[in-house]
Every structure is written in structure tokens, then in C-alpha cells.
Amino acid sequence: MPAKKILVVDDEPEVRKLMEHFLTTQGYEVRLAENGRLGLAALDTFTPDLVLLDMHMPEMDGAETLRALAQHS
């Protein structure tokens, strides 16, 4: 069975790297995005089973990103 896919959207590089390390060691395929705009762009080439989303980000906050994700589906 293929690995479950997780998209991590967080503006903190340390958090992204920590999440990537933890999730990949658990067998997940992980993509990272540093803001909501890039997270949405990642959906063009990556269909995640789960999105881990920081709610407090500059440029496009988590609530805005979540609304855009809901419209994307």
C-alpha cells in the first residue's frame, strides 16, 4: 500500500523540519510549504490525505488558507 501523504504548511522552518522528520520516520510521504499560498500551489502536483496547517502565518493566515483549501476540493 502506498504511503499516506501529508502536506505541512507552517512559516517556521524549525517546525517544518521537525514535522517532516517525525512524519517521514513514521512512513508518511511529506511535502512542506512555508505559507498558505505555497501550500495551495503544492496541490497542483500533490494530493495530500491530510493537511497540517499553522493558523498564525503572515501573507495568508491559516483561516484564509483553510477556506481556499475547502474551495479547491
N, C-alpha and C. Protein backbone atom coordinates (compact mmCIF):
# COMPACT_ATOMS: atom_id res chain seq x y z
N MET A 1 0.85 -1.17 0.00
CA MET A 1 0.00 0.00 0.00
C MET A 1 0.90 1.24 0.00
N PRO A 2 0.57 2.26 -0.84
CA PRO A 2 1.39 3.48 -0.88
C PRO A 2 1.28 4.26 0.43
N ALA A 3 2.32 5.01 0.70
CA ALA A 3 2.36 5.82 1.92
C ALA A 3 1.29 6.90 1.87
N LYS A 4 0.70 7.19 3.02
CA LYS A 4 -0.24 8.31 3.14
C LYS A 4 0.55 9.59 2.95
N LYS A 5 -0.11 10.59 2.35
CA LYS A 5 0.55 11.85 2.02
C LYS A 5 0.07 12.96 2.95
N ILE A 6 1.04 13.73 3.47
CA ILE A 6 0.73 14.83 4.38
C ILE A 6 1.41 16.10 3.88
N LEU A 7 0.63 17.17 3.83
CA LEU A 7 1.15 18.50 3.49
C LEU A 7 1.25 19.29 4.79
N VAL A 8 2.45 19.78 5.09
CA VAL A 8 2.69 20.60 6.28
C VAL A 8 2.88 22.04 5.83
N VAL A 9 2.00 22.94 6.31
CA VAL A 9 2.07 24.36 5.97
C VAL A 9 2.35 25.13 7.25
N ASP A 10 3.56 25.68 7.35
CA ASP A 10 3.97 26.41 8.55
C ASP A 10 5.08 27.38 8.17
N ASP A 11 5.02 28.59 8.73
CA ASP A 11 6.03 29.60 8.38
C ASP A 11 7.32 29.45 9.17
N GLU A 12 7.35 28.59 10.17
CA GLU A 12 8.56 28.39 10.98
C GLU A 12 9.38 27.23 10.41
N PRO A 13 10.59 27.52 9.91
CA PRO A 13 11.42 26.45 9.31
C PRO A 13 11.69 25.29 10.27
N GLU A 14 11.89 25.59 11.55
CA GLU A 14 12.20 24.54 12.52
C GLU A 14 11.02 23.60 12.69
N VAL A 15 9.82 24.16 12.70
CA VAL A 15 8.61 23.34 12.85
C VAL A 15 8.43 22.45 11.63
N ARG A 16 8.63 23.03 10.45
CA ARG A 16 8.51 22.23 9.22
C ARG A 16 9.49 21.06 9.23
N LYS A 17 10.73 21.32 9.57
CA LYS A 17 11.75 20.26 9.57
C LYS A 17 11.45 19.19 10.63
N LEU A 18 11.00 19.62 11.80
CA LEU A 18 10.65 18.67 12.86
C LEU A 18 9.49 17.78 12.43
N MET A 19 8.46 18.39 11.85
CA MET A 19 7.31 17.63 11.39
C MET A 19 7.72 16.67 10.27
N GLU A 20 8.54 17.17 9.34
CA GLU A 20 9.00 16.32 8.24
C GLU A 20 9.76 15.11 8.78
N HIS A 21 10.68 15.34 9.69
CA HIS A 21 11.47 14.24 10.25
C HIS A 21 10.57 13.22 10.95
N PHE A 22 9.70 13.70 11.83
CA PHE A 22 8.83 12.80 12.58
C PHE A 22 7.92 12.00 11.64
N LEU A 23 7.30 12.69 10.70
CA LEU A 23 6.32 12.02 9.83
C LEU A 23 6.98 11.05 8.85
N THR A 24 8.13 11.42 8.29
CA THR A 24 8.79 10.51 7.35
C THR A 24 9.31 9.27 8.07
N THR A 25 9.77 9.42 9.30
CA THR A 25 10.22 8.23 10.04
C THR A 25 9.05 7.32 10.39
N GLN A 26 7.84 7.84 10.34
CA GLN A 26 6.64 7.03 10.58
C GLN A 26 6.07 6.46 9.28
N GLY A 27 6.75 6.75 8.15
CA GLY A 27 6.35 6.15 6.89
C GLY A 27 5.46 7.01 5.99
N TYR A 28 5.24 8.27 6.36
CA TYR A 28 4.41 9.15 5.55
C TYR A 28 5.23 9.84 4.46
N GLU A 29 4.58 10.15 3.35
CA GLU A 29 5.18 10.99 2.32
C GLU A 29 4.80 12.42 2.67
N VAL A 30 5.80 13.29 2.80
CA VAL A 30 5.57 14.64 3.32
C VAL A 30 6.01 15.69 2.31
N ARG A 31 5.19 16.71 2.15
CA ARG A 31 5.57 17.91 1.41
C ARG A 31 5.46 19.08 2.37
N LEU A 32 6.32 20.06 2.17
CA LEU A 32 6.37 21.23 3.05
C LEU A 32 6.06 22.49 2.27
N ALA A 33 5.39 23.43 2.95
CA ALA A 33 5.14 24.75 2.36
C ALA A 33 5.30 25.78 3.47
N GLU A 34 5.94 26.90 3.13
CA GLU A 34 6.23 27.91 4.16
C GLU A 34 5.12 28.94 4.33
N ASN A 35 4.09 28.89 3.50
CA ASN A 35 2.94 29.78 3.70
C ASN A 35 1.74 29.20 2.97
N GLY A 36 0.58 29.80 3.21
CA GLY A 36 -0.65 29.29 2.62
C GLY A 36 -0.65 29.31 1.10
N ARG A 37 -0.12 30.36 0.52
CA ARG A 37 -0.08 30.47 -0.94
C ARG A 37 0.72 29.32 -1.54
N LEU A 38 1.88 29.02 -0.97
CA LEU A 38 2.69 27.90 -1.47
C LEU A 38 2.04 26.55 -1.16
N GLY A 39 1.33 26.46 -0.06
CA GLY A 39 0.60 25.24 0.26
C GLY A 39 -0.46 24.95 -0.78
N LEU A 40 -1.20 25.98 -1.17
CA LEU A 40 -2.21 25.81 -2.21
C LEU A 40 -1.57 25.46 -3.55
N ALA A 41 -0.45 26.07 -3.86
CA ALA A 41 0.26 25.77 -5.11
C ALA A 41 0.73 24.32 -5.14
N ALA A 42 1.08 23.77 -3.97
CA ALA A 42 1.55 22.38 -3.91
C ALA A 42 0.45 21.40 -4.34
N LEU A 43 -0.80 21.82 -4.22
CA LEU A 43 -1.91 20.93 -4.59
C LEU A 43 -1.96 20.64 -6.09
N ASP A 44 -1.24 21.43 -6.88
CA ASP A 44 -1.19 21.18 -8.32
C ASP A 44 -0.47 19.88 -8.65
N THR A 45 0.47 19.48 -7.78
CA THR A 45 1.27 18.29 -8.05
C THR A 45 1.22 17.25 -6.92
N PHE A 46 0.49 17.54 -5.86
CA PHE A 46 0.50 16.68 -4.68
C PHE A 46 -0.91 16.66 -4.10
N THR A 47 -1.48 15.47 -3.93
CA THR A 47 -2.81 15.34 -3.35
C THR A 47 -2.68 14.72 -1.97
N PRO A 48 -2.70 15.55 -0.93
CA PRO A 48 -2.49 15.03 0.42
C PRO A 48 -3.73 14.34 0.98
N ASP A 49 -3.48 13.39 1.86
CA ASP A 49 -4.55 12.77 2.63
C ASP A 49 -4.87 13.62 3.85
N LEU A 50 -3.89 14.44 4.26
CA LEU A 50 -4.03 15.27 5.45
C LEU A 50 -3.21 16.54 5.25
N VAL A 51 -3.74 17.66 5.74
CA VAL A 51 -3.00 18.92 5.73
C VAL A 51 -2.84 19.37 7.17
N LEU A 52 -1.59 19.58 7.59
CA LEU A 52 -1.29 20.16 8.90
C LEU A 52 -1.00 21.63 8.66
N LEU A 53 -1.83 22.49 9.24
CA LEU A 53 -1.85 23.89 8.88
C LEU A 53 -1.66 24.79 10.10
N ASP A 54 -0.64 25.63 10.06
CA ASP A 54 -0.42 26.65 11.09
C ASP A 54 -1.47 27.73 10.90
N MET A 55 -2.11 28.15 11.96
CA MET A 55 -3.16 29.17 11.85
C MET A 55 -2.61 30.59 11.86
N HIS A 56 -1.40 30.79 12.38
CA HIS A 56 -0.82 32.13 12.50
C HIS A 56 0.38 32.27 11.57
N MET A 57 0.11 32.72 10.34
CA MET A 57 1.17 32.90 9.36
C MET A 57 1.00 34.26 8.69
N PRO A 58 2.12 34.86 8.28
CA PRO A 58 2.00 36.11 7.51
C PRO A 58 1.55 35.82 6.08
N GLU A 59 1.20 36.82 5.37
CA GLU A 59 0.81 36.76 3.97
C GLU A 59 -0.58 36.15 3.79
N MET A 60 -0.77 34.91 4.19
CA MET A 60 -2.07 34.23 4.09
C MET A 60 -2.19 33.36 5.33
N ASP A 61 -3.04 33.79 6.29
CA ASP A 61 -3.11 33.05 7.55
C ASP A 61 -3.82 31.70 7.37
N GLY A 62 -3.83 30.93 8.43
CA GLY A 62 -4.38 29.58 8.35
C GLY A 62 -5.86 29.54 8.01
N ALA A 63 -6.64 30.47 8.56
CA ALA A 63 -8.08 30.50 8.29
C ALA A 63 -8.34 30.78 6.81
N GLU A 64 -7.60 31.72 6.25
CA GLU A 64 -7.71 32.05 4.83
C GLU A 64 -7.33 30.84 3.97
N THR A 65 -6.25 30.19 4.36
CA THR A 65 -5.78 29.02 3.63
C THR A 65 -6.80 27.89 3.70
N LEU A 66 -7.38 27.70 4.88
CA LEU A 66 -8.38 26.65 5.05
C LEU A 66 -9.59 26.90 4.16
N ARG A 67 -10.06 28.14 4.08
CA ARG A 67 -11.19 28.46 3.20
C ARG A 67 -10.83 28.17 1.74
N ALA A 68 -9.62 28.54 1.34
CA ALA A 68 -9.19 28.28 -0.04
C ALA A 68 -9.06 26.78 -0.29
N LEU A 69 -8.59 26.02 0.69
CA LEU A 69 -8.49 24.57 0.54
C LEU A 69 -9.88 23.96 0.35
N ALA A 70 -10.85 24.44 1.10
CA ALA A 70 -12.22 23.91 1.00
C ALA A 70 -12.79 24.17 -0.39
N GLN A 71 -12.47 25.29 -0.99
CA GLN A 71 -12.95 25.62 -2.33
C GLN A 71 -12.20 24.82 -3.39
N HIS A 72 -10.97 24.43 -3.10
CA HIS A 72 -10.15 23.70 -4.06
C HIS A 72 -10.66 22.28 -4.29
N SER A 73 -11.24 21.67 -3.26
CA SER A 73 -11.68 20.27 -3.37
C SER A 73 -12.84 20.10 -4.31
